[in-house]
C-alpha atoms as a PDB file:
ATOM      1  CA  MET A   1      75.000 104.580 100.079  1.00  0.00           C
ATOM      2  CA  ALA A   2      77.417 104.353 103.024  1.00  0.00           C
ATOM      3  CA  LYS A   3      76.315 103.872 106.405  1.00  0.00           C
ATOM      4  CA  ILE A   4      76.492 107.496 108.478  1.00  0.00           C
ATOM      5  CA  PRO A   5      76.295 107.896 111.675  1.00  0.00           C
ATOM      6  CA  ARG A   6      74.227 110.401 113.538  1.00  0.00           C
ATOM      7  CA  ARG A   7      75.384 113.744 115.629  1.00  0.00           C
ATOM      8  CA  GLY A   8      76.646 112.194 118.970  1.00  0.00           C
ATOM      9  CA  LYS A   9      77.006 108.669 118.028  1.00  0.00           C
ATOM     10  CA  GLY A  10      79.685 108.728 116.036  1.00  0.00           C
ATOM     11  CA  LYS A  11      83.597 109.684 116.804  1.00  0.00           C
ATOM     12  CA  GLY A  12      86.099 112.610 115.596  1.00  0.00           C
ATOM     13  CA  LEU A  13      84.710 114.746 112.703  1.00  0.00           C
ATOM     14  CA  TYR A  14      81.292 112.318 111.910  1.00  0.00           C
ATOM     15  CA  SER A  15      79.871 113.699 115.634  1.00  0.00           C
ATOM     16  CA  CYS A  16      79.575 117.470 114.405  1.00  0.00           C
ATOM     17  CA  PHE A  17      77.573 116.946 111.628  1.00  0.00           C
ATOM     18  CA  THR A  18      73.733 115.519 111.330  1.00  0.00           C
ATOM     19  CA  GLU A  19      72.793 112.405 108.840  1.00  0.00           C
ATOM     20  CA  GLU A  20      71.678 114.569 106.640  1.00  0.00           C
ATOM     21  CA  GLU A  21      74.671 116.806 106.220  1.00  0.00           C
ATOM     22  CA  LEU A  22      77.136 113.694 106.182  1.00  0.00           C
ATOM     23  CA  ARG A  23      74.654 112.695 103.233  1.00  0.00           C
ATOM     24  CA  GLU A  24      74.204 115.768 101.378  1.00  0.00           C
ATOM     25  CA  ALA A  25      77.947 116.339 101.439  1.00  0.00           C
ATOM     26  CA  TYR A  26      78.556 112.656 100.437  1.00  0.00           C
ATOM     27  CA  ASP A  27      76.332 113.147  97.431  1.00  0.00           C
ATOM     28  CA  LYS A  28      77.682 116.297  95.608  1.00  0.00           C
ATOM     29  CA  MET A  29      81.405 114.624  95.848  1.00  0.00           C
ATOM     30  CA  THR A  30      83.019 114.035  92.226  1.00  0.00           C
ATOM     31  CA  ILE A  31      85.875 112.886  90.895  1.00  0.00           C
ATOM     32  CA  PHE A  32      87.308 116.781  91.616  1.00  0.00           C
ATOM     33  CA  SER A  33      86.922 115.570  95.592  1.00  0.00           C
ATOM     34  CA  ASP A  34      90.678 114.196  96.593  1.00  0.00           C
ATOM     35  CA  ALA A  35      88.781 111.215  98.661  1.00  0.00           C
ATOM     36  CA  VAL A  36      87.145 110.138  95.419  1.00  0.00           C
ATOM     37  CA  ALA A  37      89.922 110.645  93.059  1.00  0.00           C
ATOM     38  CA  ASN A  38      92.260 108.529  95.380  1.00  0.00           C
ATOM     39  CA  ALA A  39      89.805 105.640  95.219  1.00  0.00           C
ATOM     40  CA  PHE A  40      89.068 106.187  91.664  1.00  0.00           C
ATOM     41  CA  PHE A  41      92.469 105.914  89.784  1.00  0.00           C
ATOM     42  CA  ARG A  42      93.600 102.820  92.155  1.00  0.00           C
ATOM     43  CA  ASP A  43      91.978 100.425  89.177  1.00  0.00           C
ATOM     44  CA  LYS A  44      94.532  99.972  86.611  1.00  0.00           C
ATOM     45  CA  GLU A  45      92.001  99.375  83.823  1.00  0.00           C
ATOM     46  CA  THR A  46      89.912 102.609  84.636  1.00  0.00           C
ATOM     47  CA  THR A  47      93.768 104.782  84.442  1.00  0.00           C
ATOM     48  CA  GLN A  48      94.547 102.851  80.969  1.00  0.00           C
ATOM     49  CA  HIS A  49      91.325 104.417  79.911  1.00  0.00           C
ATOM     50  CA  ILE A  50      91.830 108.156  81.324  1.00  0.00           C
ATOM     51  CA  ILE A  51      95.514 108.154  79.770  1.00  0.00           C
ATOM     52  CA  ARG A  52      94.495 106.981  76.426  1.00  0.00           C
ATOM     53  CA  THR A  53      91.975 108.912  75.669  1.00  0.00           C
ATOM     54  CA  VAL A  54      94.102 111.663  76.603  1.00  0.00           C
ATOM     55  CA  THR A  55      97.350 110.841  74.659  1.00  0.00           C
ATOM     56  CA  GLU A  56      95.067 109.688  72.251  1.00  0.00           C
ATOM     57  CA  GLN A  57      97.111 106.273  72.224  1.00  0.00           C
ATOM     58  CA  ASP A  58      94.725 103.365  71.919  1.00  0.00           C
ATOM     59  CA  ASP A  59      96.643 100.736  72.247  1.00  0.00           C
ATOM     60  CA  LEU A  60      99.178 102.188  75.196  1.00  0.00           C
ATOM     61  CA  VAL A  61      99.040  98.997  78.302  1.00  0.00           C
ATOM     62  CA  VAL A  62      99.136 100.305  81.706  1.00  0.00           C
ATOM     63  CA  LEU A  63     101.275  98.016  84.027  1.00  0.00           C
ATOM     64  CA  GLN A  64     101.305  99.764  87.209  1.00  0.00           C
ATOM     65  CA  VAL A  65      99.779 102.580  88.937  1.00  0.00           C
ATOM     66  CA  LYS A  66     100.468 103.780  92.336  1.00  0.00           C
ATOM     67  CA  THR A  67      98.168 107.062  94.130  1.00  0.00           C
ATOM     68  CA  GLN A  68      99.978 109.528  96.678  1.00  0.00           C
ATOM     69  CA  LYS A  69     103.261 108.466  95.622  1.00  0.00           C
ATOM     70  CA  ARG A  70     105.747 110.440  97.400  1.00  0.00           C
ATOM     71  CA  ILE A  71     109.511 111.219  95.381  1.00  0.00           C
ATOM     72  CA  GLU A  72     112.003 112.321  98.412  1.00  0.00           C
ATOM     73  CA  ASN A  73     114.752 114.925  97.641  1.00  0.00           C
ATOM     74  CA  ILE A  74     117.100 115.081 100.229  1.00  0.00           C
ATOM     75  CA  LEU A  75     118.803 118.112  98.725  1.00  0.00           C
ATOM     76  CA  GLY A  76     115.687 120.156  97.682  1.00  0.00           C
ATOM     77  CA  HIS A  77     112.247 119.930  96.906  1.00  0.00           C
ATOM     78  CA  SER A  78     110.247 116.526  97.408  1.00  0.00           C
ATOM     79  CA  VAL A  79     107.288 115.578  95.443  1.00  0.00           C
ATOM     80  CA  ARG A  80     104.258 113.544  96.004  1.00  0.00           C
ATOM     81  CA  PHE A  81     101.553 112.812  93.190  1.00  0.00           C
ATOM     82  CA  ASP A  82      98.037 112.077  92.788  1.00  0.00           C
ATOM     83  CA  VAL A  83      98.176 109.728  90.477  1.00  0.00           C
ATOM     84  CA  LEU A  84     101.967 108.110  88.998  1.00  0.00           C
ATOM     85  CA  ALA A  85     101.358 104.929  86.804  1.00  0.00           C
ATOM     86  CA  ILE A  86     104.082 103.103  84.191  1.00  0.00           C
ATOM     87  CA  ASP A  87     102.904 101.446  80.583  1.00  0.00           C
ATOM     88  CA  SER A  88     104.826  98.336  79.074  1.00  0.00           C
ATOM     89  CA  GLU A  89     107.192 100.587  77.238  1.00  0.00           C
ATOM     90  CA  ASN A  90     108.599 102.137  80.485  1.00  0.00           C
ATOM     91  CA  ASN A  91     107.140 105.799  80.144  1.00  0.00           C
ATOM     92  CA  TYR A  92     105.475 107.340  82.890  1.00  0.00           C
ATOM     93  CA  TYR A  93     102.320 109.233  83.653  1.00  0.00           C
ATOM     94  CA  ASN A  94     101.751 111.836  86.040  1.00  0.00           C
ATOM     95  CA  ILE A  95      97.972 112.609  86.648  1.00  0.00           C
ATOM     96  CA  GLU A  96      96.854 115.504  89.088  1.00  0.00           C
ATOM     97  CA  ILE A  97      93.071 117.020  89.869  1.00  0.00           C
ATOM     98  CA  GLN A  98      93.518 120.513  90.516  1.00  0.00           C
ATOM     99  CA  ASN A  99      90.340 122.042  92.283  1.00  0.00           C
ATOM    100  CA  ALA A 100      92.013 125.478  92.682  1.00  0.00           C
ATOM    101  CA  SER A 101      93.587 127.836  90.685  1.00  0.00           C
ATOM    102  CA  ASN A 102      97.173 128.230  90.658  1.00  0.00           C
ATOM    103  CA  ASP A 103      99.278 130.431  89.135  1.00  0.00           C
ATOM    104  CA  ASN A 104     102.337 128.063  89.302  1.00  0.00           C
ATOM    105  CA  LEU A 105     100.350 125.232  87.768  1.00  0.00           C
ATOM    106  CA  LEU A 106     102.578 124.859  84.477  1.00  0.00           C
ATOM    107  CA  ALA A 107     106.171 125.093  86.377  1.00  0.00           C
ATOM    108  CA  ARG A 108     104.655 122.281  88.519  1.00  0.00           C
ATOM    109  CA  ALA A 109     103.711 120.582  86.154  1.00  0.00           C
ATOM    110  CA  ASP A 110     107.076 120.608  84.377  1.00  0.00           C
ATOM    111  CA  PHE A 111     109.136 120.054  87.877  1.00  0.00           C
ATOM    112  CA  TYR A 112     106.805 116.977  88.167  1.00  0.00           C
ATOM    113  CA  GLY A 113     108.282 115.302  84.567  1.00  0.00           C
ATOM    114  CA  ALA A 114     111.704 116.587  85.406  1.00  0.00           C
ATOM    115  CA  ALA A 115     111.552 115.319  89.451  1.00  0.00           C
ATOM    116  CA  ILE A 116     109.952 111.685  87.482  1.00  0.00           C
ATOM    117  CA  LYS A 117     113.311 111.613  85.387  1.00  0.00           C
ATOM    118  CA  MET A 118     115.437 112.109  87.857  1.00  0.00           C
ATOM    119  CA  ARG A 119     114.292 109.345  89.662  1.00  0.00           C
ATOM    120  CA  TYR A 120     113.606 106.715  87.302  1.00  0.00           C
ATOM    121  CA  PHE A 121     115.940 106.620  84.517  1.00  0.00           C
ATOM    122  CA  GLU A 122     118.871 104.630  85.315  1.00  0.00           C
ATOM    123  CA  LYS A 123     122.180 104.587  85.660  1.00  0.00           C
ATOM    124  CA  HIS A 124     124.948 104.129  82.786  1.00  0.00           C
ATOM    125  CA  LYS A 125     121.745 104.518  80.227  1.00  0.00           C
ATOM    126  CA  SER A 126     121.877 106.243  77.208  1.00  0.00           C
ATOM    127  CA  TYR A 127     119.737 109.566  77.181  1.00  0.00           C
ATOM    128  CA  ALA A 128     118.005 107.474  74.418  1.00  0.00           C
ATOM    129  CA  ASN A 129     116.822 105.336  76.675  1.00  0.00           C
ATOM    130  CA  MET A 130     115.334 107.933  78.910  1.00  0.00           C
ATOM    131  CA  PRO A 131     111.540 107.115  79.310  1.00  0.00           C
ATOM    132  CA  ARG A 132     108.861 109.551  78.107  1.00  0.00           C
ATOM    133  CA  VAL A 133     107.413 111.618  80.828  1.00  0.00           C
ATOM    134  CA  TYR A 134     103.040 112.455  80.539  1.00  0.00           C
ATOM    135  CA  VAL A 135     101.811 114.840  82.911  1.00  0.00           C
ATOM    136  CA  ILE A 136      98.293 115.241  83.195  1.00  0.00           C
ATOM    137  CA  PHE A 137      96.097 118.059  84.728  1.00  0.00           C
ATOM    138  CA  PHE A 138      92.556 118.186  85.302  1.00  0.00           C
ATOM    139  CA  VAL A 139      92.154 121.559  86.077  1.00  0.00           C
ATOM    140  CA  LYS A 140      88.360 122.405  87.300  1.00  0.00           C
ATOM    141  CA  ASP A 141      88.661 126.281  86.582  1.00  0.00           C
ATOM    142  CA  GLY A 142      90.533 125.789  83.156  1.00  0.00           C
ATOM    143  CA  ARG A 143      93.380 127.558  84.453  1.00  0.00           C
ATOM    144  CA  PHE A 144      96.212 127.107  81.490  1.00  0.00           C
ATOM    145  CA  CYS A 145      93.605 125.741  79.510  1.00  0.00           C
ATOM    146  CA  ASP A 146      93.115 128.775  76.870  1.00  0.00           C
ATOM    147  CA  ASN A 147      89.578 128.583  76.749  1.00  0.00           C
ATOM    148  CA  LYS A 148      90.225 125.173  75.620  1.00  0.00           C
ATOM    149  CA  LEU A 149      88.496 121.880  75.954  1.00  0.00           C
ATOM    150  CA  ILE A 150      92.522 120.205  76.028  1.00  0.00           C
ATOM    151  CA  ASN A 151      95.620 122.282  76.152  1.00  0.00           C
ATOM    152  CA  ARG A 152      99.008 120.531  75.037  1.00  0.00           C
ATOM    153  CA  TYR A 153     102.948 121.709  75.953  1.00  0.00           C
ATOM    154  CA  PHE A 154     105.673 120.009  73.847  1.00  0.00           C
ATOM    155  CA  MET A 155     108.879 121.326  73.666  1.00  0.00           C
ATOM    156  CA  ARG A 156     109.192 122.372  69.718  1.00  0.00           C
ATOM    157  CA  ASP A 157     111.810 124.111  67.589  1.00  0.00           C
ATOM    158  CA  ASP A 158     111.287 127.573  65.926  1.00  0.00           C
ATOM    159  CA  SER A 159     109.296 125.768  62.524  1.00  0.00           C
ATOM    160  CA  TYR A 160     107.118 124.700  65.435  1.00  0.00           C
ATOM    161  CA  ARG A 161     108.507 120.641  65.179  1.00  0.00           C
ATOM    162  CA  ASP A 162     107.819 118.387  67.895  1.00  0.00           C
ATOM    163  CA  SER A 163     111.386 117.332  69.039  1.00  0.00           C
ATOM    164  CA  GLY A 164     110.207 114.160  70.568  1.00  0.00           C
ATOM    165  CA  VAL A 165     111.631 114.890  73.931  1.00  0.00           C
ATOM    166  CA  GLY A 166     110.895 116.832  76.867  1.00  0.00           C
ATOM    167  CA  THR A 167     108.326 116.461  79.617  1.00  0.00           C
ATOM    168  CA  ARG A 168     104.608 116.434  77.671  1.00  0.00           C
ATOM    169  CA  ILE A 169     102.024 118.531  79.261  1.00  0.00           C
ATOM    170  CA  TYR A 170      98.412 118.387  78.999  1.00  0.00           C
ATOM    171  CA  PHE A 171      95.561 120.711  80.957  1.00  0.00           C
ATOM    172  CA  ILE A 172      92.414 119.450  80.646  1.00  0.00           C
ATOM    173  CA  ASN A 173      89.664 121.893  81.049  1.00  0.00           C
ATOM    174  CA  GLY A 174      87.065 121.032  83.973  1.00  0.00           C
ATOM    175  CA  ARG A 175      84.712 124.073  82.632  1.00  0.00           C
ATOM    176  CA  LEU A 176      84.028 122.933  79.174  1.00  0.00           C
ATOM    177  CA  HIS A 177      82.408 120.416  78.273  1.00  0.00           C
ATOM    178  CA  ASP A 178      81.472 118.166  74.311  1.00  0.00           C
ATOM    179  CA  ASP A 179      80.521 115.256  72.713  1.00  0.00           C
ATOM    180  CA  THR A 180      84.132 114.365  72.134  1.00  0.00           C
ATOM    181  CA  PRO A 181      85.917 111.617  74.387  1.00  0.00           C
ATOM    182  CA  ILE A 182      87.989 114.437  76.228  1.00  0.00           C
ATOM    183  CA  GLY A 183      85.102 116.487  76.781  1.00  0.00           C
ATOM    184  CA  LYS A 184      82.985 113.661  78.098  1.00  0.00           C
ATOM    185  CA  MET A 185      85.484 112.914  80.173  1.00  0.00           C
ATOM    186  CA  SER A 186      85.525 116.334  81.456  1.00  0.00           C
ATOM    187  CA  HIS A 187      81.631 116.292  81.679  1.00  0.00           C
ATOM    188  CA  ASP A 188      82.161 113.325  83.887  1.00  0.00           C
ATOM    189  CA  PHE A 189      84.784 114.692  86.399  1.00  0.00           C
ATOM    190  CA  SER A 190      82.367 117.173  87.386  1.00  0.00           C
ATOM    191  CA  CYS A 191      79.460 114.958  87.559  1.00  0.00           C
ATOM    192  CA  ASN A 192      78.182 113.421  90.964  1.00  0.00           C
ATOM    193  CA  ASP A 193      75.672 111.209  89.822  1.00  0.00           C
ATOM    194  CA  ALA A 194      76.421 108.283  87.500  1.00  0.00           C
ATOM    195  CA  GLU A 195      73.874 107.961  85.752  1.00  0.00           C
ATOM    196  CA  LYS A 196      73.837 111.270  84.141  1.00  0.00           C
ATOM    197  CA  MET A 197      77.944 110.546  83.143  1.00  0.00           C
ATOM    198  CA  LYS A 198      78.517 109.943  79.242  1.00  0.00           C
ATOM    199  CA  ASP A 199      81.232 107.733  79.879  1.00  0.00           C
ATOM    200  CA  PRO A 200      80.848 104.152  80.534  1.00  0.00           C
ATOM    201  CA  ILE A 201      84.629 103.120  81.616  1.00  0.00           C
ATOM    202  CA  ILE A 202      84.250 105.481  84.086  1.00  0.00           C
ATOM    203  CA  ALA A 203      80.567 105.730  85.090  1.00  0.00           C
ATOM    204  CA  ARG A 204      80.960 102.532  86.523  1.00  0.00           C
ATOM    205  CA  GLN A 205      84.404 103.472  88.196  1.00  0.00           C
ATOM    206  CA  PHE A 206      82.421 105.857  89.809  1.00  0.00           C
ATOM    207  CA  THR A 207      79.470 103.694  91.335  1.00  0.00           C
ATOM    208  CA  THR A 208      82.278 101.465  92.169  1.00  0.00           C
ATOM    209  CA  ILE A 209      83.759 104.022  94.771  1.00  0.00           C
ATOM    210  CA  LYS A 210      80.608 105.625  95.840  1.00  0.00           C
ATOM    211  CA  GLN A 211      79.077 102.180  96.452  1.00  0.00           C
ATOM    212  CA  GLU A 212      82.249 100.602  98.281  1.00  0.00           C
ATOM    213  CA  GLU A 213      85.311 102.146  98.623  1.00  0.00           C
ATOM    214  CA  LEU A 214      84.400 104.904 100.207  1.00  0.00           C
ATOM    215  CA  LYS A 215      82.936 103.021 102.777  1.00  0.00           C
ATOM    216  CA  GLU A 216      85.969 102.454 104.475  1.00  0.00           C
ATOM    217  CA  MET A 217      88.165 105.547 103.421  1.00  0.00           C
ATOM    218  CA  ASP A 218      89.543 107.711 106.577  1.00  0.00           C
ATOM    219  CA  ALA A 219      90.270 110.572 103.753  1.00  0.00           C
ATOM    220  CA  PHE A 220      86.066 110.770 103.821  1.00  0.00           C
ATOM    221  CA  THR A 221      86.230 112.586 107.137  1.00  0.00           C
ATOM    222  CA  GLN A 222      88.550 114.769 105.959  1.00  0.00           C
ATOM    223  CA  GLU A 223      86.573 115.592 102.629  1.00  0.00           C
ATOM    224  CA  VAL A 224      83.080 115.816 104.889  1.00  0.00           C
ATOM    225  CA  LEU A 225      85.325 118.510 107.368  1.00  0.00           C
ATOM    226  CA  THR A 226      86.476 120.471 104.105  1.00  0.00           C
ATOM    227  CA  ARG A 227      83.730 120.084 101.856  1.00  0.00           C
ATOM    228  CA  GLY A 228      80.551 120.388 105.443  1.00  0.00           C
ATOM    229  CA  LYS A 229      82.304 123.259 107.238  1.00  0.00           C
ATOM    230  CA  ARG A 230      78.857 123.245 109.156  1.00  0.00           C
ATOM    231  CA  LEU A 231      80.729 122.036 112.367  1.00  0.00           C
ATOM    232  CA  GLY A 232      78.969 121.631 115.940  1.00  0.00           C
ATOM    233  CA  LEU A 233      78.252 124.902 118.407  1.00  0.00           C
ATOM    234  CA  GLU A 234      81.266 123.738 121.186  1.00  0.00           C
ATOM    235  CA  TYR A 235      83.755 122.739 118.286  1.00  0.00           C
ATOM    236  CA  GLY A 236      82.834 126.372 116.501  1.00  0.00           C
ATOM    237  CA  GLU A 237      83.301 128.125 119.627  1.00  0.00           C
ATOM    238  CA  LYS A 238      86.715 126.520 120.210  1.00  0.00           C
ATOM    239  CA  ARG A 239      87.737 126.952 116.680  1.00  0.00           C
ATOM    240  CA  GLY A 240      86.847 131.025 116.872  1.00  0.00           C
ATOM    241  CA  GLU A 241      88.496 131.516 120.110  1.00  0.00           C
ATOM    242  CA  ARG A 242      91.403 129.972 118.288  1.00  0.00           C
ATOM    243  CA  GLN A 243      91.320 131.908 115.286  1.00  0.00           C
ATOM    244  CA  GLY A 244      91.094 135.230 117.504  1.00  0.00           C
ATOM    245  CA  ARG A 245      93.943 134.429 119.215  1.00  0.00           C
ATOM    246  CA  ILE A 246      95.975 133.945 116.233  1.00  0.00           C
ATOM    247  CA  LYS A 247      94.291 137.008 114.408  1.00  0.00           C
ATOM    248  CA  GLY A 248      95.360 139.383 117.643  1.00  0.00           C
ATOM    249  CA  LYS A 249      99.214 138.098 117.382  1.00  0.00           C
ATOM    250  CA  ILE A 250      99.342 138.784 113.333  1.00  0.00           C
ATOM    251  CA  GLU A 251      97.641 141.781 113.936  1.00  0.00           C
ATOM    252  CA  GLY A 252      99.742 142.927 117.210  1.00  0.00           C
ATOM    253  CA  LYS A 253     103.025 141.919 114.619  1.00  0.00           C
ATOM    254  CA  LEU A 254     101.610 144.278 111.804  1.00  0.00           C
ATOM    255  CA  GLU A 255     101.230 147.307 114.228  1.00  0.00           C
ATOM    256  CA  GLN A 256     104.606 146.513 115.500  1.00  0.00           C
ATOM    257  CA  LEU A 257     106.391 146.705 111.944  1.00  0.00           C
ATOM    258  CA  LYS A 258     104.313 149.601 110.599  1.00  0.00           C
ATOM    259  CA  GLU A 259     105.803 151.561 113.761  1.00  0.00           C
ATOM    260  CA  MET A 260     109.567 150.493 113.532  1.00  0.00           C
ATOM    261  CA  THR A 261     109.308 151.562 109.768  1.00  0.00           C
ATOM    262  CA  ARG A 262     107.541 154.736 110.416  1.00  0.00           C
ATOM    263  CA  ARG A 263     110.594 155.411 112.478  1.00  0.00           C
ATOM    264  CA  ILE A 264     113.476 154.610 110.338  1.00  0.00           C
ATOM    265  CA  MET A 265     111.530 156.620 107.736  1.00  0.00           C
ATOM    266  CA  SER A 266     111.574 159.760 109.805  1.00  0.00           C
ATOM    267  CA  ASN A 267     114.859 159.066 111.604  1.00  0.00           C
ATOM    268  CA  GLU A 268     116.887 157.943 108.991  1.00  0.00           C
ATOM    269  CA  ASN A 269     115.147 159.921 105.823  1.00  0.00           C
ATOM    270  CA  LYS A 270     114.200 156.844 104.396  1.00  0.00           C
ATOM    271  CA  SER A 271     111.946 155.955 101.198  1.00  0.00           C
ATOM    272  CA  LEU A 272     109.064 153.375 102.407  1.00  0.00           C
ATOM    273  CA  GLU A 273     111.060 150.371 100.728  1.00  0.00           C
ATOM    274  CA  ASP A 274     114.492 151.328 101.978  1.00  0.00           C
ATOM    275  CA  ALA A 275     113.119 151.819 105.116  1.00  0.00           C
ATOM    276  CA  MET A 276     111.923 147.999 104.983  1.00  0.00           C
ATOM    277  CA  VAL A 277     114.775 146.622 103.459  1.00  0.00           C
ATOM    278  CA  TYR A 278     117.031 148.201 106.541  1.00  0.00           C
ATOM    279  CA  LEU A 279     114.080 146.350 108.685  1.00  0.00           C
ATOM    280  CA  GLN A 280     115.129 143.220 106.945  1.00  0.00           C
ATOM    281  CA  LEU A 281     111.897 142.420 106.727  1.00  0.00           C
ATOM    282  CA  SER A 282     110.398 139.395 104.508  1.00  0.00           C
ATOM    283  CA  GLU A 283     108.757 139.128 101.493  1.00  0.00           C
ATOM    284  CA  ASP A 284     105.402 138.515 103.092  1.00  0.00           C
ATOM    285  CA  GLU A 285     105.930 141.212 105.818  1.00  0.00           C
ATOM    286  CA  LYS A 286     106.739 143.866 102.594  1.00  0.00           C
ATOM    287  CA  GLY A 287     103.140 143.062 101.453  1.00  0.00           C
ATOM    288  CA  LEU A 288     101.902 143.241 104.922  1.00  0.00           C
ATOM    289  CA  VAL A 289     103.457 146.786 105.526  1.00  0.00           C
ATOM    290  CA  ARG A 290     102.564 148.093 102.044  1.00  0.00           C
ATOM    291  CA  LYS A 291      99.184 147.253 102.197  1.00  0.00           C
ATOM    292  CA  ALA A 292      98.620 148.593 105.985  1.00  0.00           C
ATOM    293  CA  MET A 293     100.202 152.281 104.775  1.00  0.00           C
ATOM    294  CA  THR A 294      98.856 153.045 101.578  1.00  0.00           C
END
């Protein structure tokens, strides 16, 4: 167990928590915790084991693993990957740990695959030499998994034949567990006790992270903030005051938008939607006004 400072003896966020609070937050961390995942996947053999299990390629050899790898796009949307690995055949693997529900996960997975191809497909090469890209999402709440343990998205033709091209996307359901290799892995990602894990490779790496690597991780400080949410009185008061000011500004602006919308509807004889268009409101502003005026 990492040495944890008591309230008042540490600096920064640590000083806002008792030793017991920090220890409780630390003990509850799983591979779905960002701080753990970032350290967990730095180990090449462990990452190789995960990829082999998901893709069912027992002879796959991972040559390199990078965490928090970023691809900049000066003309459009940039991306940052939780994990980016490359194998001995120049194929790429992106692994993402998804804690919260998101309606755009599939579009995000597809875009990540495209970004990897744009970055790593070399100039003057034939399309036949384009690297194959695998995007693997471990989804804590099972979104896009269709109530299955693993849901795969491949490019197929009308006869349901695998085209062999396109990003190969895998969604792993964090809510379903069984005794298959994928089921054991899903269980272990949600487990906070290495002794209860079913996959020995995952359990060994998780133990290493808990005992050694997390001791020096700055990200753990952030994990305490997001997981604990039990700040000291002084911090809580300041945070409350700041939130109150922000809330007041938002409410004031909303009242202005409502009043201007009412005037346009009355003076110009326009509908609610037409009045919002007339005022050139953003989509977010339109949503707030609709909700406030219905």
